[in-house]
Amino acid sequence: KNPKLYRMKIFAQNEVLAKSRFWYFLSQLDKLKKYSGQILAVHEIFEKRPDIVKTYGVWLRYNSRSGTHNMYKEFRELTLNGAIDKLYAEMASLHRARFASIQIIKTAVISA
């Protein structure tokens, strides 16, 4: 029997939160629980060229007081992690959405 492998990009402050978010998203994606799976590796991803300013597009879903909303935002930043930090700060200030209620669906570098 060949088990399935899942790979995700998780944005979190530390490894423990990243593992927790992984199991949260995996349980939504497939009927998998923590006891029936295993995390093989956790790696921090670094930019190849952190000295060049890029435009990042971020697709996200967040829960507000009135319901669930989908959103697309663009950020000018040196790194993807910097763009995600800006995203969390902006969502907390403008939309009152906290870290736990934001789900990042996809990120991409947008050509200018």
Foldseek 3Di string as FASTA:
>chain_A
DDDDDDDDDDDDDDDVVRVVVVQVVVVVVDVDHPVVDDDDDDDDDDDPFLPDKFKKKWWKWFAAPVGIDTDIDIDTHSTPNVVVVVVQVCCCPPVVTHPVGMDTDDMDTDDD
